[in-house]
Amino acid sequence: IGKDYAVFEAVHGSAPDIAGKNIANPTAIIQSSVMMLRYLGEQEAAAKIENALVKVFEKGENLTGDLGGNATTDEFTNEILKYI
C-alpha cells in the first residue's frame, strides 16, 4: 500500500471442511512470506525459501492432496525445509 506500507496475505476461503486435519496446502502463505521478505530487502532469504519450494514441486514427492500427492501439511512443509 504505497511505498512505505505493504500487506502480504494468502487469500483463500476459511476451508472449515479441512480445519484441523493437517491436509491444507501451505504454498500460498509461503509465497506470501517470500514476497514480504523481498519487500523487506531480504533477497537471499526469499530466494532460499522459493528455491526450496520449486525443488519440492520439481521432485513431485510429498505433495498435498490437491497437488496429486498424499502428504500432510507437516510432511509437505518438512520437505521444503530439507532444501533450505
PDB file of N, CA and C in Angstrom:
ATOM      1  N   ILE A   1       0.873  -1.159   0.000  1.00  0.00           N
ATOM      2  CA  ILE A   1       0.000   0.000   0.000  1.00  0.00           C
ATOM      3  C   ILE A   1       0.916   1.215   0.000  1.00  0.00           C
ATOM      4  N   GLY A   2       1.224   1.724  -1.158  1.00  0.00           N
ATOM      5  CA  GLY A   2       2.174   2.813  -1.241  1.00  0.00           C
ATOM      6  C   GLY A   2       3.586   2.306  -1.111  1.00  0.00           C
ATOM      7  N   LYS A   3       4.521   3.234  -1.019  1.00  0.00           N
ATOM      8  CA  LYS A   3       5.921   2.806  -0.933  1.00  0.00           C
ATOM      9  C   LYS A   3       6.375   2.527   0.493  1.00  0.00           C
ATOM     10  N   ASP A   4       5.612   2.963   1.481  1.00  0.00           N
ATOM     11  CA  ASP A   4       6.022   2.790   2.872  1.00  0.00           C
ATOM     12  C   ASP A   4       5.325   1.644   3.600  1.00  0.00           C
ATOM     13  N   TYR A   5       4.239   1.149   3.049  1.00  0.00           N
ATOM     14  CA  TYR A   5       3.470   0.109   3.721  1.00  0.00           C
ATOM     15  C   TYR A   5       3.110  -0.993   2.727  1.00  0.00           C
ATOM     16  N   ALA A   6       3.005  -2.190   3.231  1.00  0.00           N
ATOM     17  CA  ALA A   6       2.645  -3.307   2.358  1.00  0.00           C
ATOM     18  C   ALA A   6       1.847  -4.339   3.151  1.00  0.00           C
ATOM     19  N   VAL A   7       1.045  -5.087   2.449  1.00  0.00           N
ATOM     20  CA  VAL A   7       0.250  -6.159   3.046  1.00  0.00           C
ATOM     21  C   VAL A   7       0.541  -7.438   2.275  1.00  0.00           C
ATOM     22  N   PHE A   8       0.771  -8.508   2.992  1.00  0.00           N
ATOM     23  CA  PHE A   8       1.062  -9.801   2.376  1.00  0.00           C
ATOM     24  C   PHE A   8       0.095 -10.813   2.963  1.00  0.00           C
ATOM     25  N   GLU A   9      -0.661 -11.451   2.098  1.00  0.00           N
ATOM     26  CA  GLU A   9      -1.723 -12.321   2.572  1.00  0.00           C
ATOM     27  C   GLU A   9      -1.956 -13.455   1.582  1.00  0.00           C
ATOM     28  N   ALA A  10      -2.153 -14.622   2.114  1.00  0.00           N
ATOM     29  CA  ALA A  10      -2.557 -15.758   1.282  1.00  0.00           C
ATOM     30  C   ALA A  10      -4.078 -15.732   1.224  1.00  0.00           C
ATOM     31  N   VAL A  11      -4.624 -15.240   0.140  1.00  0.00           N
ATOM     32  CA  VAL A  11      -6.070 -15.070   0.028  1.00  0.00           C
ATOM     33  C   VAL A  11      -6.724 -16.397  -0.347  1.00  0.00           C
ATOM     34  N   HIS A  12      -7.674 -16.793   0.429  1.00  0.00           N
ATOM     35  CA  HIS A  12      -8.429 -18.023   0.186  1.00  0.00           C
ATOM     36  C   HIS A  12      -9.611 -18.042   1.135  1.00  0.00           C
ATOM     37  N   GLY A  13     -10.431 -19.024   1.025  1.00  0.00           N
ATOM     38  CA  GLY A  13     -11.554 -19.173   1.937  1.00  0.00           C
ATOM     39  C   GLY A  13     -11.103 -19.734   3.274  1.00  0.00           C
ATOM     40  N   SER A  14     -12.028 -19.847   4.188  1.00  0.00           N
ATOM     41  CA  SER A  14     -11.690 -20.345   5.523  1.00  0.00           C
ATOM     42  C   SER A  14     -11.527 -21.858   5.568  1.00  0.00           C
ATOM     43  N   ALA A  15     -12.070 -22.578   4.611  1.00  0.00           N
ATOM     44  CA  ALA A  15     -11.936 -24.037   4.480  1.00  0.00           C
ATOM     45  C   ALA A  15     -12.254 -24.790   5.769  1.00  0.00           C
ATOM     46  N   PRO A  16     -13.439 -24.576   6.344  1.00  0.00           N
ATOM     47  CA  PRO A  16     -13.773 -25.275   7.586  1.00  0.00           C
ATOM     48  C   PRO A  16     -13.822 -26.795   7.431  1.00  0.00           C
ATOM     49  N   ASP A  17     -14.012 -27.268   6.209  1.00  0.00           N
ATOM     50  CA  ASP A  17     -14.081 -28.715   5.979  1.00  0.00           C
ATOM     51  C   ASP A  17     -12.742 -29.416   6.176  1.00  0.00           C
ATOM     52  N   ILE A  18     -11.639 -28.667   6.117  1.00  0.00           N
ATOM     53  CA  ILE A  18     -10.324 -29.295   6.311  1.00  0.00           C
ATOM     54  C   ILE A  18      -9.611 -28.787   7.564  1.00  0.00           C
ATOM     55  N   ALA A  19     -10.271 -27.931   8.331  1.00  0.00           N
ATOM     56  CA  ALA A  19      -9.666 -27.378   9.550  1.00  0.00           C
ATOM     57  C   ALA A  19      -9.264 -28.493  10.509  1.00  0.00           C
ATOM     58  N   GLY A  20      -8.036 -28.424  10.987  1.00  0.00           N
ATOM     59  CA  GLY A  20      -7.538 -29.382  11.962  1.00  0.00           C
ATOM     60  C   GLY A  20      -7.189 -30.750  11.417  1.00  0.00           C
ATOM     61  N   LYS A  21      -7.233 -30.927  10.102  1.00  0.00           N
ATOM     62  CA  LYS A  21      -6.963 -32.237   9.501  1.00  0.00           C
ATOM     63  C   LYS A  21      -5.543 -32.394   8.973  1.00  0.00           C
ATOM     64  N   ASN A  22      -4.747 -31.326   9.014  1.00  0.00           N
ATOM     65  CA  ASN A  22      -3.349 -31.382   8.570  1.00  0.00           C
ATOM     66  C   ASN A  22      -3.241 -31.781   7.092  1.00  0.00           C
ATOM     67  N   ILE A  23      -4.175 -31.243   6.276  1.00  0.00           N
ATOM     68  CA  ILE A  23      -4.149 -31.569   4.846  1.00  0.00           C
ATOM     69  C   ILE A  23      -4.107 -30.326   3.955  1.00  0.00           C
ATOM     70  N   ALA A  24      -4.036 -29.153   4.549  1.00  0.00           N
ATOM     71  CA  ALA A  24      -4.020 -27.911   3.767  1.00  0.00           C
ATOM     72  C   ALA A  24      -2.695 -27.752   3.027  1.00  0.00           C
ATOM     73  N   ASN A  25      -2.761 -27.129   1.873  1.00  0.00           N
ATOM     74  CA  ASN A  25      -1.572 -26.812   1.083  1.00  0.00           C
ATOM     75  C   ASN A  25      -1.077 -25.431   1.529  1.00  0.00           C
ATOM     76  N   PRO A  26       0.110 -25.335   2.131  1.00  0.00           N
ATOM     77  CA  PRO A  26       0.605 -24.058   2.644  1.00  0.00           C
ATOM     78  C   PRO A  26       1.345 -23.196   1.622  1.00  0.00           C
ATOM     79  N   THR A  27       1.308 -23.562   0.348  1.00  0.00           N
ATOM     80  CA  THR A  27       2.082 -22.839  -0.669  1.00  0.00           C
ATOM     81  C   THR A  27       1.753 -21.354  -0.706  1.00  0.00           C
ATOM     82  N   ALA A  28       0.488 -20.991  -0.636  1.00  0.00           N
ATOM     83  CA  ALA A  28       0.108 -19.578  -0.743  1.00  0.00           C
ATOM     84  C   ALA A  28       0.699 -18.741   0.384  1.00  0.00           C
ATOM     85  N   ILE A  29       0.666 -19.230   1.606  1.00  0.00           N
ATOM     86  CA  ILE A  29       1.217 -18.450   2.720  1.00  0.00           C
ATOM     87  C   ILE A  29       2.741 -18.411   2.639  1.00  0.00           C
ATOM     88  N   ILE A  30       3.347 -19.481   2.152  1.00  0.00           N
ATOM     89  CA  ILE A  30       4.802 -19.494   1.981  1.00  0.00           C
ATOM     90  C   ILE A  30       5.208 -18.484   0.920  1.00  0.00           C
ATOM     91  N   GLN A  31       4.498 -18.451  -0.200  1.00  0.00           N
ATOM     92  CA  GLN A  31       4.802 -17.479  -1.255  1.00  0.00           C
ATOM     93  C   GLN A  31       4.546 -16.052  -0.779  1.00  0.00           C
ATOM     94  N   SER A  32       3.526 -15.842   0.045  1.00  0.00           N
ATOM     95  CA  SER A  32       3.281 -14.518   0.620  1.00  0.00           C
ATOM     96  C   SER A  32       4.453 -14.097   1.495  1.00  0.00           C
ATOM     97  N   SER A  33       5.008 -15.045   2.217  1.00  0.00           N
ATOM     98  CA  SER A  33       6.183 -14.767   3.051  1.00  0.00           C
ATOM     99  C   SER A  33       7.389 -14.406   2.198  1.00  0.00           C
ATOM    100  N   VAL A  34       7.540 -15.082   1.074  1.00  0.00           N
ATOM    101  CA  VAL A  34       8.628 -14.773   0.139  1.00  0.00           C
ATOM    102  C   VAL A  34       8.484 -13.340  -0.367  1.00  0.00           C
ATOM    103  N   MET A  35       7.273 -12.954  -0.735  1.00  0.00           N
ATOM    104  CA  MET A  35       7.042 -11.580  -1.205  1.00  0.00           C
ATOM    105  C   MET A  35       7.355 -10.561  -0.114  1.00  0.00           C
ATOM    106  N   MET A  36       6.989 -10.877   1.133  1.00  0.00           N
ATOM    107  CA  MET A  36       7.277  -9.985   2.246  1.00  0.00           C
ATOM    108  C   MET A  36       8.779  -9.829   2.442  1.00  0.00           C
ATOM    109  N   LEU A  37       9.499 -10.941   2.403  1.00  0.00           N
ATOM    110  CA  LEU A  37      10.951 -10.885   2.573  1.00  0.00           C
ATOM    111  C   LEU A  37      11.598 -10.045   1.478  1.00  0.00           C
ATOM    112  N   ARG A  38      11.138 -10.184   0.257  1.00  0.00           N
ATOM    113  CA  ARG A  38      11.674  -9.366  -0.841  1.00  0.00           C
ATOM    114  C   ARG A  38      11.394  -7.887  -0.600  1.00  0.00           C
ATOM    115  N   TYR A  39      10.193  -7.577  -0.169  1.00  0.00           N
ATOM    116  CA  TYR A  39       9.822  -6.193   0.123  1.00  0.00           C
ATOM    117  C   TYR A  39      10.730  -5.610   1.207  1.00  0.00           C
ATOM    118  N   LEU A  40      11.088  -6.438   2.178  1.00  0.00           N
ATOM    119  CA  LEU A  40      11.943  -6.001   3.284  1.00  0.00           C
ATOM    120  C   LEU A  40      13.423  -5.997   2.927  1.00  0.00           C
ATOM    121  N   GLY A  41      13.743  -6.377   1.697  1.00  0.00           N
ATOM    122  CA  GLY A  41      15.130  -6.371   1.253  1.00  0.00           C
ATOM    123  C   GLY A  41      15.898  -7.631   1.591  1.00  0.00           C
ATOM    124  N   GLU A  42      15.212  -8.653   2.035  1.00  0.00           N
ATOM    125  CA  GLU A  42      15.847  -9.919   2.415  1.00  0.00           C
ATOM    126  C   GLU A  42      15.842 -10.868   1.215  1.00  0.00           C
ATOM    127  N   GLN A  43      16.566 -10.473   0.180  1.00  0.00           N
ATOM    128  CA  GLN A  43      16.561 -11.214  -1.082  1.00  0.00           C
ATOM    129  C   GLN A  43      17.087 -12.644  -0.928  1.00  0.00           C
ATOM    130  N   GLU A  44      18.158 -12.801  -0.169  1.00  0.00           N
ATOM    131  CA  GLU A  44      18.759 -14.133  -0.011  1.00  0.00           C
ATOM    132  C   GLU A  44      17.804 -15.096   0.698  1.00  0.00           C
ATOM    133  N   ALA A  45      17.187 -14.627   1.762  1.00  0.00           N
ATOM    134  CA  ALA A  45      16.240 -15.474   2.495  1.00  0.00           C
ATOM    135  C   ALA A  45      15.049 -15.836   1.609  1.00  0.00           C
ATOM    136  N   ALA A  46      14.543 -14.853   0.872  1.00  0.00           N
ATOM    137  CA  ALA A  46      13.412 -15.096  -0.028  1.00  0.00           C
ATOM    138  C   ALA A  46      13.778 -16.135  -1.078  1.00  0.00           C
ATOM    139  N   ALA A  47      14.952 -16.001  -1.652  1.00  0.00           N
ATOM    140  CA  ALA A  47      15.394 -16.932  -2.697  1.00  0.00           C
ATOM    141  C   ALA A  47      15.550 -18.344  -2.147  1.00  0.00           C
ATOM    142  N   LYS A  48      16.082 -18.478  -0.939  1.00  0.00           N
ATOM    143  CA  LYS A  48      16.250 -19.808  -0.345  1.00  0.00           C
ATOM    144  C   LYS A  48      14.907 -20.516  -0.191  1.00  0.00           C
ATOM    145  N   ILE A  49      13.933 -19.795   0.302  1.00  0.00           N
ATOM    146  CA  ILE A  49      12.613 -20.395   0.515  1.00  0.00           C
ATOM    147  C   ILE A  49      11.951 -20.724  -0.818  1.00  0.00           C
ATOM    148  N   GLU A  50      11.979 -19.776  -1.736  1.00  0.00           N
ATOM    149  CA  GLU A  50      11.334 -20.004  -3.029  1.00  0.00           C
ATOM    150  C   GLU A  50      12.009 -21.129  -3.807  1.00  0.00           C
ATOM    151  N   ASN A  51      13.326 -21.176  -3.786  1.00  0.00           N
ATOM    152  CA  ASN A  51      14.047 -22.255  -4.475  1.00  0.00           C
ATOM    153  C   ASN A  51      13.727 -23.613  -3.865  1.00  0.00           C
ATOM    154  N   ALA A  52      13.593 -23.656  -2.545  1.00  0.00           N
ATOM    155  CA  ALA A  52      13.232 -24.910  -1.881  1.00  0.00           C
ATOM    156  C   ALA A  52      11.837 -25.356  -2.304  1.00  0.00           C
ATOM    157  N   LEU A  53      10.921 -24.422  -2.389  1.00  0.00           N
ATOM    158  CA  LEU A  53       9.565 -24.745  -2.820  1.00  0.00           C
ATOM    159  C   LEU A  53       9.561 -25.289  -4.248  1.00  0.00           C
ATOM    160  N   VAL A  54      10.319 -24.664  -5.118  1.00  0.00           N
ATOM    161  CA  VAL A  54      10.420 -25.125  -6.506  1.00  0.00           C
ATOM    162  C   VAL A  54      10.985 -26.540  -6.561  1.00  0.00           C
ATOM    163  N   LYS A  55      12.011 -26.818  -5.760  1.00  0.00           N
ATOM    164  CA  LYS A  55      12.603 -28.160  -5.749  1.00  0.00           C
ATOM    165  C   LYS A  55      11.585 -29.216  -5.334  1.00  0.00           C
ATOM    166  N   VAL A  56      10.762 -28.887  -4.351  1.00  0.00           N
ATOM    167  CA  VAL A  56       9.741 -29.838  -3.905  1.00  0.00           C
ATOM    168  C   VAL A  56       8.751 -30.113  -5.032  1.00  0.00           C
ATOM    169  N   PHE A  57       8.328 -29.058  -5.725  1.00  0.00           N
ATOM    170  CA  PHE A  57       7.401 -29.254  -6.845  1.00  0.00           C
ATOM    171  C   PHE A  57       8.057 -30.044  -7.967  1.00  0.00           C
ATOM    172  N   GLU A  58       9.308 -29.751  -8.263  1.00  0.00           N
ATOM    173  CA  GLU A  58      10.017 -30.480  -9.319  1.00  0.00           C
ATOM    174  C   GLU A  58      10.183 -31.952  -8.969  1.00  0.00           C
ATOM    175  N   LYS A  59      10.495 -32.226  -7.719  1.00  0.00           N
ATOM    176  CA  LYS A  59      10.669 -33.604  -7.266  1.00  0.00           C
ATOM    177  C   LYS A  59       9.339 -34.365  -7.332  1.00  0.00           C
ATOM    178  N   GLY A  60       8.251 -33.672  -7.026  1.00  0.00           N
ATOM    179  CA  GLY A  60       6.923 -34.263  -7.137  1.00  0.00           C
ATOM    180  C   GLY A  60       6.553 -35.260  -6.062  1.00  0.00           C
ATOM    181  N   GLU A  61       7.320 -35.303  -4.998  1.00  0.00           N
ATOM    182  CA  GLU A  61       7.028 -36.203  -3.883  1.00  0.00           C
ATOM    183  C   GLU A  61       6.612 -35.367  -2.674  1.00  0.00           C
ATOM    184  N   ASN A  62       5.915 -35.973  -1.761  1.00  0.00           N
ATOM    185  CA  ASN A  62       5.452 -35.296  -0.550  1.00  0.00           C
ATOM    186  C   ASN A  62       4.628 -34.055  -0.859  1.00  0.00           C
ATOM    187  N   LEU A  63       3.754 -34.180  -1.857  1.00  0.00           N
ATOM    188  CA  LEU A  63       2.835 -33.103  -2.196  1.00  0.00           C
ATOM    189  C   LEU A  63       1.506 -33.336  -1.491  1.00  0.00           C
ATOM    190  N   THR A  64       0.808 -32.258  -1.204  1.00  0.00           N
ATOM    191  CA  THR A  64      -0.504 -32.376  -0.573  1.00  0.00           C
ATOM    192  C   THR A  64      -1.525 -32.913  -1.578  1.00  0.00           C
ATOM    193  N   GLY A  65      -2.665 -33.340  -1.073  1.00  0.00           N
ATOM    194  CA  GLY A  65      -3.683 -33.978  -1.902  1.00  0.00           C
ATOM    195  C   GLY A  65      -4.157 -33.149  -3.080  1.00  0.00           C
ATOM    196  N   ASP A  66      -4.280 -31.848  -2.906  1.00  0.00           N
ATOM    197  CA  ASP A  66      -4.745 -31.001  -4.004  1.00  0.00           C
ATOM    198  C   ASP A  66      -3.724 -30.905  -5.127  1.00  0.00           C
ATOM    199  N   LEU A  67      -2.490 -31.329  -4.859  1.00  0.00           N
ATOM    200  CA  LEU A  67      -1.421 -31.326  -5.863  1.00  0.00           C
ATOM    201  C   LEU A  67      -1.163 -32.729  -6.409  1.00  0.00           C
ATOM    202  N   GLY A  68      -2.032 -33.664  -6.055  1.00  0.00           N
ATOM    203  CA  GLY A  68      -1.905 -35.023  -6.560  1.00  0.00           C
ATOM    204  C   GLY A  68      -1.128 -35.966  -5.671  1.00  0.00           C
ATOM    205  N   GLY A  69      -0.728 -35.496  -4.504  1.00  0.00           N
ATOM    206  CA  GLY A  69       0.013 -36.347  -3.574  1.00  0.00           C
ATOM    207  C   GLY A  69      -0.859 -36.790  -2.421  1.00  0.00           C
ATOM    208  N   ASN A  70      -0.206 -37.315  -1.389  1.00  0.00           N
ATOM    209  CA  ASN A  70      -0.949 -37.715  -0.198  1.00  0.00           C
ATOM    210  C   ASN A  70      -0.249 -37.268   1.077  1.00  0.00           C
ATOM    211  N   ALA A  71       0.644 -36.287   0.962  1.00  0.00           N
ATOM    212  CA  ALA A  71       1.373 -35.783   2.123  1.00  0.00           C
ATOM    213  C   ALA A  71       0.486 -34.881   2.973  1.00  0.00           C
ATOM    214  N   THR A  72       0.763 -34.881   4.252  1.00  0.00           N
ATOM    215  CA  THR A  72       0.094 -33.946   5.148  1.00  0.00           C
ATOM    216  C   THR A  72       0.739 -32.567   4.990  1.00  0.00           C
ATOM    217  N   THR A  73       0.118 -31.584   5.595  1.00  0.00           N
ATOM    218  CA  THR A  73       0.692 -30.233   5.594  1.00  0.00           C
ATOM    219  C   THR A  73       2.083 -30.266   6.214  1.00  0.00           C
ATOM    220  N   ASP A  74       2.219 -30.973   7.329  1.00  0.00           N
ATOM    221  CA  ASP A  74       3.515 -31.067   8.007  1.00  0.00           C
ATOM    222  C   ASP A  74       4.566 -31.740   7.130  1.00  0.00           C
ATOM    223  N   GLU A  75       4.198 -32.823   6.469  1.00  0.00           N
ATOM    224  CA  GLU A  75       5.150 -33.536   5.605  1.00  0.00           C
ATOM    225  C   GLU A  75       5.592 -32.666   4.433  1.00  0.00           C
ATOM    226  N   PHE A  76       4.657 -31.965   3.827  1.00  0.00           N
ATOM    227  CA  PHE A  76       4.971 -31.061   2.722  1.00  0.00           C
ATOM    228  C   PHE A  76       5.921 -29.958   3.194  1.00  0.00           C
ATOM    229  N   THR A  77       5.604 -29.365   4.340  1.00  0.00           N
ATOM    230  CA  THR A  77       6.435 -28.295   4.890  1.00  0.00           C
ATOM    231  C   THR A  77       7.825 -28.807   5.246  1.00  0.00           C
ATOM    232  N   ASN A  78       7.907 -29.965   5.850  1.00  0.00           N
ATOM    233  CA  ASN A  78       9.210 -30.546   6.196  1.00  0.00           C
ATOM    234  C   ASN A  78      10.039 -30.844   4.960  1.00  0.00           C
ATOM    235  N   GLU A  79       9.380 -31.214   3.868  1.00  0.00           N
ATOM    236  CA  GLU A  79      10.091 -31.449   2.612  1.00  0.00           C
ATOM    237  C   GLU A  79      10.722 -30.142   2.120  1.00  0.00           C
ATOM    238  N   ILE A  80      10.007 -29.046   2.238  1.00  0.00           N
ATOM    239  CA  ILE A  80      10.555 -27.737   1.864  1.00  0.00           C
ATOM    240  C   ILE A  80      11.751 -27.401   2.747  1.00  0.00           C
ATOM    241  N   LEU A  81      11.608 -27.633   4.031  1.00  0.00           N
ATOM    242  CA  LEU A  81      12.684 -27.307   4.977  1.00  0.00           C
ATOM    243  C   LEU A  81      13.974 -28.067   4.686  1.00  0.00           C
ATOM    244  N   LYS A  82      13.876 -29.256   4.107  1.00  0.00           N
ATOM    245  CA  LYS A  82      15.071 -30.037   3.758  1.00  0.00           C
ATOM    246  C   LYS A  82      15.991 -29.279   2.804  1.00  0.00           C
ATOM    247  N   TYR A  83      15.398 -28.429   1.962  1.00  0.00           N
ATOM    248  CA  TYR A  83      16.164 -27.737   0.924  1.00  0.00           C
ATOM    249  C   TYR A  83      16.603 -26.326   1.323  1.00  0.00           C
ATOM    250  N   ILE A  84      16.246 -25.910   2.510  1.00  0.00           N
ATOM    251  CA  ILE A  84      16.648 -24.564   2.955  1.00  0.00           C
ATOM    252  C   ILE A  84      17.965 -24.649   3.708  1.00  0.00           C
TER     253      ILE A  84
END
